[in-house]
């Protein structure tokens, strides 16, 4: 495998446990290479309130359908 696309396609065929192993392997390699974590994302109170309201509305709709 020599391209990211080939690796991604091969990864799709792995069982979940091996995907987890791969994630840990990659994380260790990134840390060893000195990779920086991305900056935390910032969300406004309004954005979070809108998401919560949408989630609550979806829950109510779900409860009505069952």
N, C-alpha and C. Protein backbone atom coordinates (compact mmCIF):
# COMPACT_ATOMS: atom_id res chain seq x y z
N UNK A 1 0.85 -1.18 0.00
CA UNK A 1 0.00 0.00 0.00
C UNK A 1 0.89 1.23 0.00
N UNK A 2 0.59 2.11 -0.92
CA UNK A 2 1.45 3.28 -1.00
C UNK A 2 0.68 4.59 -0.99
N UNK A 3 -0.64 4.54 -1.04
CA UNK A 3 -1.40 5.78 -0.99
C UNK A 3 -2.36 5.78 0.19
N UNK A 4 -2.73 6.95 0.60
CA UNK A 4 -3.68 7.07 1.71
C UNK A 4 -5.00 6.41 1.35
N UNK A 5 -5.43 6.54 0.12
CA UNK A 5 -6.68 5.92 -0.31
C UNK A 5 -6.63 4.40 -0.15
N UNK A 6 -5.51 3.79 -0.52
CA UNK A 6 -5.36 2.34 -0.35
C UNK A 6 -5.40 1.96 1.12
N UNK A 7 -4.74 2.75 1.95
CA UNK A 7 -4.73 2.47 3.39
C UNK A 7 -6.13 2.62 3.96
N UNK A 8 -6.85 3.67 3.56
CA UNK A 8 -8.22 3.87 4.06
C UNK A 8 -9.11 2.70 3.66
N UNK A 9 -8.98 2.25 2.42
CA UNK A 9 -9.79 1.11 1.95
C UNK A 9 -9.47 -0.15 2.73
N UNK A 10 -8.20 -0.39 2.99
CA UNK A 10 -7.80 -1.57 3.77
C UNK A 10 -8.30 -1.47 5.20
N UNK A 11 -8.26 -0.28 5.75
CA UNK A 11 -8.71 -0.06 7.12
C UNK A 11 -10.19 -0.40 7.28
N UNK A 12 -10.98 -0.09 6.26
CA UNK A 12 -12.42 -0.38 6.31
C UNK A 12 -12.67 -1.87 6.50
N UNK A 13 -11.76 -2.72 6.06
CA UNK A 13 -11.95 -4.16 6.13
C UNK A 13 -11.53 -4.75 7.48
N UNK A 14 -10.87 -3.96 8.33
CA UNK A 14 -10.39 -4.46 9.61
C UNK A 14 -11.53 -4.58 10.62
N UNK A 15 -11.44 -5.55 11.53
CA UNK A 15 -12.40 -5.61 12.63
C UNK A 15 -12.15 -4.44 13.59
N UNK A 16 -13.15 -4.13 14.37
CA UNK A 16 -13.08 -2.98 15.28
C UNK A 16 -11.86 -3.03 16.18
N UNK A 17 -11.53 -4.19 16.71
CA UNK A 17 -10.39 -4.29 17.63
C UNK A 17 -9.09 -3.89 16.94
N UNK A 18 -8.94 -4.30 15.68
CA UNK A 18 -7.72 -3.94 14.96
C UNK A 18 -7.71 -2.46 14.57
N UNK A 19 -8.89 -1.89 14.33
CA UNK A 19 -8.97 -0.45 14.06
C UNK A 19 -8.52 0.33 15.31
N UNK A 20 -8.94 -0.16 16.47
CA UNK A 20 -8.53 0.50 17.71
C UNK A 20 -7.02 0.39 17.89
N UNK A 21 -6.46 -0.78 17.61
CA UNK A 21 -5.01 -0.96 17.70
C UNK A 21 -4.29 0.01 16.76
N UNK A 22 -4.82 0.15 15.56
CA UNK A 22 -4.23 1.06 14.58
C UNK A 22 -4.26 2.50 15.08
N UNK A 23 -5.37 2.90 15.69
CA UNK A 23 -5.47 4.26 16.23
C UNK A 23 -4.43 4.50 17.31
N UNK A 24 -4.25 3.53 18.19
CA UNK A 24 -3.25 3.67 19.25
C UNK A 24 -1.84 3.74 18.67
N UNK A 25 -1.58 2.91 17.66
CA UNK A 25 -0.29 2.92 16.98
C UNK A 25 -0.02 4.29 16.37
N UNK A 26 -1.00 4.82 15.63
CA UNK A 26 -0.82 6.13 14.99
C UNK A 26 -0.65 7.25 16.01
N UNK A 27 -1.42 7.19 17.08
CA UNK A 27 -1.30 8.22 18.13
C UNK A 27 0.09 8.19 18.75
N UNK A 28 0.61 7.01 18.99
CA UNK A 28 1.96 6.88 19.56
C UNK A 28 3.00 7.45 18.60
N UNK A 29 2.85 7.17 17.31
CA UNK A 29 3.81 7.69 16.32
C UNK A 29 3.73 9.21 16.22
N UNK A 30 2.52 9.74 16.28
CA UNK A 30 2.36 11.20 16.23
C UNK A 30 3.00 11.86 17.45
N UNK A 31 2.78 11.27 18.64
CA UNK A 31 3.39 11.83 19.86
C UNK A 31 4.91 11.78 19.76
N UNK A 32 5.44 10.66 19.27
CA UNK A 32 6.89 10.51 19.15
C UNK A 32 7.47 11.51 18.16
N UNK A 33 6.68 11.88 17.16
CA UNK A 33 7.15 12.83 16.15
C UNK A 33 6.96 14.28 16.61
N UNK A 34 6.40 14.45 17.81
CA UNK A 34 6.22 15.79 18.34
C UNK A 34 5.01 16.53 17.79
N UNK A 35 4.04 15.79 17.26
CA UNK A 35 2.84 16.42 16.72
C UNK A 35 2.08 17.15 17.83
N UNK A 36 1.57 18.31 17.50
CA UNK A 36 0.80 19.11 18.45
C UNK A 36 -0.68 18.77 18.36
N UNK A 37 -1.36 18.84 19.50
CA UNK A 37 -2.80 18.65 19.50
C UNK A 37 -3.46 19.88 18.88
N UNK A 38 -4.58 19.70 18.21
CA UNK A 38 -5.28 20.87 17.67
C UNK A 38 -5.81 21.73 18.82
N UNK A 39 -5.97 23.00 18.56
CA UNK A 39 -6.53 23.89 19.56
C UNK A 39 -7.97 23.48 19.86
N UNK A 40 -8.40 23.63 21.11
CA UNK A 40 -9.80 23.30 21.43
C UNK A 40 -10.75 24.21 20.63
N UNK A 41 -11.85 23.63 20.20
CA UNK A 41 -12.84 24.43 19.47
C UNK A 41 -13.65 25.24 20.46
N UNK A 42 -14.04 26.41 20.04
CA UNK A 42 -14.83 27.29 20.89
C UNK A 42 -16.25 27.40 20.32
N UNK A 43 -17.23 27.18 21.17
CA UNK A 43 -18.63 27.30 20.77
C UNK A 43 -19.30 28.31 21.67
N UNK A 44 -20.18 29.10 21.08
CA UNK A 44 -20.90 30.10 21.87
C UNK A 44 -22.02 29.42 22.66
N UNK A 45 -22.48 30.10 23.67
CA UNK A 45 -23.61 29.57 24.45
C UNK A 45 -24.83 29.39 23.55
N UNK A 46 -24.99 30.31 22.60
CA UNK A 46 -26.13 30.23 21.68
C UNK A 46 -26.07 28.98 20.82
N UNK A 47 -24.87 28.65 20.32
CA UNK A 47 -24.71 27.44 19.52
C UNK A 47 -25.05 26.20 20.34
N UNK A 48 -24.53 26.14 21.55
CA UNK A 48 -24.78 24.97 22.39
C UNK A 48 -26.26 24.88 22.76
N UNK A 49 -26.88 26.02 23.06
CA UNK A 49 -28.31 26.02 23.40
C UNK A 49 -29.14 25.56 22.20
N UNK A 50 -28.75 25.96 21.00
CA UNK A 50 -29.48 25.54 19.80
C UNK A 50 -29.34 24.03 19.60
N UNK A 51 -28.14 23.50 19.82
CA UNK A 51 -27.94 22.06 19.67
C UNK A 51 -28.76 21.28 20.70
N UNK A 52 -28.79 21.77 21.92
CA UNK A 52 -29.55 21.10 22.97
C UNK A 52 -31.04 21.14 22.64
N UNK A 53 -31.53 22.29 22.18
CA UNK A 53 -32.94 22.42 21.82
C UNK A 53 -33.29 21.47 20.67
N UNK A 54 -32.41 21.39 19.69
CA UNK A 54 -32.64 20.48 18.57
C UNK A 54 -32.66 19.03 19.04
N UNK A 55 -31.74 18.69 19.93
CA UNK A 55 -31.68 17.34 20.46
C UNK A 55 -32.95 17.00 21.24
N UNK A 56 -33.40 17.94 22.05
CA UNK A 56 -34.62 17.73 22.83
C UNK A 56 -35.83 17.55 21.91
N UNK A 57 -35.89 18.36 20.86
CA UNK A 57 -37.01 18.24 19.91
C UNK A 57 -36.96 16.88 19.20
N UNK A 58 -35.77 16.45 18.83
CA UNK A 58 -35.63 15.13 18.20
C UNK A 58 -36.07 14.02 19.16
N UNK A 59 -35.72 14.15 20.43
CA UNK A 59 -36.12 13.15 21.42
C UNK A 59 -37.64 13.10 21.55
N UNK A 60 -38.28 14.25 21.60
CA UNK A 60 -39.73 14.29 21.71
C UNK A 60 -40.38 13.65 20.48
N UNK A 61 -39.83 13.95 19.31
CA UNK A 61 -40.36 13.35 18.07
C UNK A 61 -40.18 11.84 18.10
N UNK A 62 -39.03 11.38 18.58
CA UNK A 62 -38.79 9.94 18.68
C UNK A 62 -39.79 9.29 19.62
N UNK A 63 -40.02 9.91 20.77
CA UNK A 63 -40.95 9.33 21.75
C UNK A 63 -42.37 9.24 21.20
N UNK A 64 -42.76 10.18 20.36
CA UNK A 64 -44.09 10.15 19.76
C UNK A 64 -44.21 9.03 18.72
N UNK A 65 -43.08 8.66 18.12
CA UNK A 65 -43.13 7.66 17.05
C UNK A 65 -43.10 6.22 17.54
N UNK A 66 -42.79 6.01 18.82
CA UNK A 66 -42.72 4.63 19.31
C UNK A 66 -43.91 4.24 20.12
